[in-house]
Amino acid sequence: MLSCNYLVTLVKLATDLWQTFGVPPEKATHALLPLLKGTLRNIENVGIPNCLTGPIARGDAGTIKKHIKKLEKVSPEILGLTASWA
């Protein structure tokens, strides 16, 4: 229950964020599906935490901080979910 329902919640938060730059939820979901499917494949094939990609996997703190600063402006209500990433 936690894994599936929380995944749905995270996708909902992502599609809500996309709405802030004019992308409707259905289009945002469609656009995110390849990324989500790739993440699930990576979890299956290489496991956790090796499945991580992008600035998290690279340890790119500068990019992560930029993302957090942007979220502070655009969607501060989700920062509680991301605070442990920084």
C-alpha atoms as a PDB file:
ATOM      1  CA  MET A   1       0.000   0.000   0.000  1.00  0.00           C
ATOM      2  CA  LEU A   2       2.683   2.517   0.943  1.00  0.00           C
ATOM      3  CA  SER A   3       4.769   2.011  -2.185  1.00  0.00           C
ATOM      4  CA  CYS A   4       1.988   2.205  -4.768  1.00  0.00           C
ATOM      5  CA  ASN A   5      -0.137   4.890  -3.181  1.00  0.00           C
ATOM      6  CA  TYR A   6       2.882   7.026  -2.351  1.00  0.00           C
ATOM      7  CA  LEU A   7       4.084   6.704  -5.943  1.00  0.00           C
ATOM      8  CA  VAL A   8       0.696   7.964  -7.120  1.00  0.00           C
ATOM      9  CA  THR A   9       0.993  10.866  -4.680  1.00  0.00           C
ATOM     10  CA  LEU A  10       4.455  11.766  -5.985  1.00  0.00           C
ATOM     11  CA  VAL A  11       3.260  11.659  -9.593  1.00  0.00           C
ATOM     12  CA  LYS A  12       0.312  13.874  -8.631  1.00  0.00           C
ATOM     13  CA  LEU A  13       2.685  16.376  -7.014  1.00  0.00           C
ATOM     14  CA  ALA A  14       4.859  16.335 -10.142  1.00  0.00           C
ATOM     15  CA  THR A  15       1.908  16.911 -12.456  1.00  0.00           C
ATOM     16  CA  ASP A  16       0.690  19.731 -10.205  1.00  0.00           C
ATOM     17  CA  LEU A  17       4.125  21.304 -10.506  1.00  0.00           C
ATOM     18  CA  TRP A  18       3.967  21.034 -14.290  1.00  0.00           C
ATOM     19  CA  GLN A  19       0.700  22.955 -14.197  1.00  0.00           C
ATOM     20  CA  THR A  20       2.611  25.956 -12.848  1.00  0.00           C
ATOM     21  CA  PHE A  21       4.217  26.267 -16.274  1.00  0.00           C
ATOM     22  CA  GLY A  22       1.039  25.604 -18.222  1.00  0.00           C
ATOM     23  CA  VAL A  23       1.059  21.847 -18.814  1.00  0.00           C
ATOM     24  CA  PRO A  24      -2.287  20.175 -18.068  1.00  0.00           C
ATOM     25  CA  PRO A  25      -2.229  17.118 -15.766  1.00  0.00           C
ATOM     26  CA  GLU A  26      -2.959  14.576 -18.520  1.00  0.00           C
ATOM     27  CA  LYS A  27      -0.106  15.843 -20.706  1.00  0.00           C
ATOM     28  CA  ALA A  28       2.243  16.048 -17.724  1.00  0.00           C
ATOM     29  CA  THR A  29       1.449  12.467 -16.741  1.00  0.00           C
ATOM     30  CA  HIS A  30       1.995  11.287 -20.307  1.00  0.00           C
ATOM     31  CA  ALA A  31       5.310  13.151 -20.473  1.00  0.00           C
ATOM     32  CA  LEU A  32       6.476  11.697 -17.139  1.00  0.00           C
ATOM     33  CA  LEU A  33       5.591   8.079 -17.938  1.00  0.00           C
ATOM     34  CA  PRO A  34       8.852   7.215 -19.773  1.00  0.00           C
ATOM     35  CA  LEU A  35      10.868   8.556 -16.832  1.00  0.00           C
ATOM     36  CA  LEU A  36       8.718   6.668 -14.329  1.00  0.00           C
ATOM     37  CA  LYS A  37       8.925   3.423 -16.309  1.00  0.00           C
ATOM     38  CA  GLY A  38      12.694   3.817 -16.636  1.00  0.00           C
ATOM     39  CA  THR A  39      12.992   4.319 -12.900  1.00  0.00           C
ATOM     40  CA  LEU A  40      10.986   1.177 -12.205  1.00  0.00           C
ATOM     41  CA  ARG A  41      13.171  -0.778 -14.667  1.00  0.00           C
ATOM     42  CA  ASN A  42      16.293   0.541 -12.939  1.00  0.00           C
ATOM     43  CA  ILE A  43      14.947  -0.518  -9.549  1.00  0.00           C
ATOM     44  CA  GLU A  44      14.286  -3.977 -10.937  1.00  0.00           C
ATOM     45  CA  ASN A  45      17.582  -4.310 -12.817  1.00  0.00           C
ATOM     46  CA  VAL A  46      20.167  -2.637 -10.584  1.00  0.00           C
ATOM     47  CA  GLY A  47      18.348  -2.183  -7.278  1.00  0.00           C
ATOM     48  CA  ILE A  48      18.317   0.589  -4.733  1.00  0.00           C
ATOM     49  CA  PRO A  49      20.306   2.882  -4.428  1.00  0.00           C
ATOM     50  CA  ASN A  50      22.146   2.109  -7.687  1.00  0.00           C
ATOM     51  CA  CYS A  51      18.992   2.973  -9.637  1.00  0.00           C
ATOM     52  CA  LEU A  52      19.331   6.656  -8.762  1.00  0.00           C
ATOM     53  CA  THR A  53      20.177   8.972 -11.649  1.00  0.00           C
ATOM     54  CA  GLY A  54      20.768  12.635 -12.339  1.00  0.00           C
ATOM     55  CA  PRO A  55      22.137  15.108  -9.805  1.00  0.00           C
ATOM     56  CA  ILE A  56      21.385  12.789  -6.882  1.00  0.00           C
ATOM     57  CA  ALA A  57      23.524   9.982  -8.345  1.00  0.00           C
ATOM     58  CA  ARG A  58      26.263  12.436  -9.333  1.00  0.00           C
ATOM     59  CA  GLY A  59      26.316  14.066  -5.917  1.00  0.00           C
ATOM     60  CA  ASP A  60      25.730  17.385  -7.676  1.00  0.00           C
ATOM     61  CA  ALA A  61      24.756  19.454  -4.650  1.00  0.00           C
ATOM     62  CA  GLY A  62      24.762  22.687  -6.660  1.00  0.00           C
ATOM     63  CA  THR A  63      22.048  21.501  -9.045  1.00  0.00           C
ATOM     64  CA  ILE A  64      20.011  20.050  -6.186  1.00  0.00           C
ATOM     65  CA  LYS A  65      20.204  23.373  -4.333  1.00  0.00           C
ATOM     66  CA  LYS A  66      19.051  25.217  -7.479  1.00  0.00           C
ATOM     67  CA  HIS A  67      16.087  22.872  -7.782  1.00  0.00           C
ATOM     68  CA  ILE A  68      15.177  23.446  -4.133  1.00  0.00           C
ATOM     69  CA  LYS A  69      15.424  27.235  -4.528  1.00  0.00           C
ATOM     70  CA  LYS A  70      13.113  27.079  -7.532  1.00  0.00           C
ATOM     71  CA  LEU A  71      10.655  24.917  -5.592  1.00  0.00           C
ATOM     72  CA  GLU A  72      10.699  27.487  -2.782  1.00  0.00           C
ATOM     73  CA  LYS A  73       9.346  30.016  -5.270  1.00  0.00           C
ATOM     74  CA  VAL A  74       6.985  27.836  -7.289  1.00  0.00           C
ATOM     75  CA  SER A  75       5.705  25.155  -4.922  1.00  0.00           C
ATOM     76  CA  PRO A  76       6.914  25.631  -1.340  1.00  0.00           C
ATOM     77  CA  GLU A  77       4.321  23.210   0.024  1.00  0.00           C
ATOM     78  CA  ILE A  78       6.253  20.216  -1.311  1.00  0.00           C
ATOM     79  CA  LEU A  79       9.582  21.184   0.222  1.00  0.00           C
ATOM     80  CA  GLY A  80       8.906  19.023   3.256  1.00  0.00           C
ATOM     81  CA  LEU A  81       9.139  16.034   0.932  1.00  0.00           C
ATOM     82  CA  THR A  82      12.425  17.174  -0.607  1.00  0.00           C
ATOM     83  CA  ALA A  83      14.235  18.538   2.435  1.00  0.00           C
ATOM     84  CA  SER A  84      16.031  15.252   3.093  1.00  0.00           C
ATOM     85  CA  TRP A  85      17.535  15.267  -0.416  1.00  0.00           C
ATOM     86  CA  ALA A  86      19.745  18.299   0.100  1.00  0.00           C
END
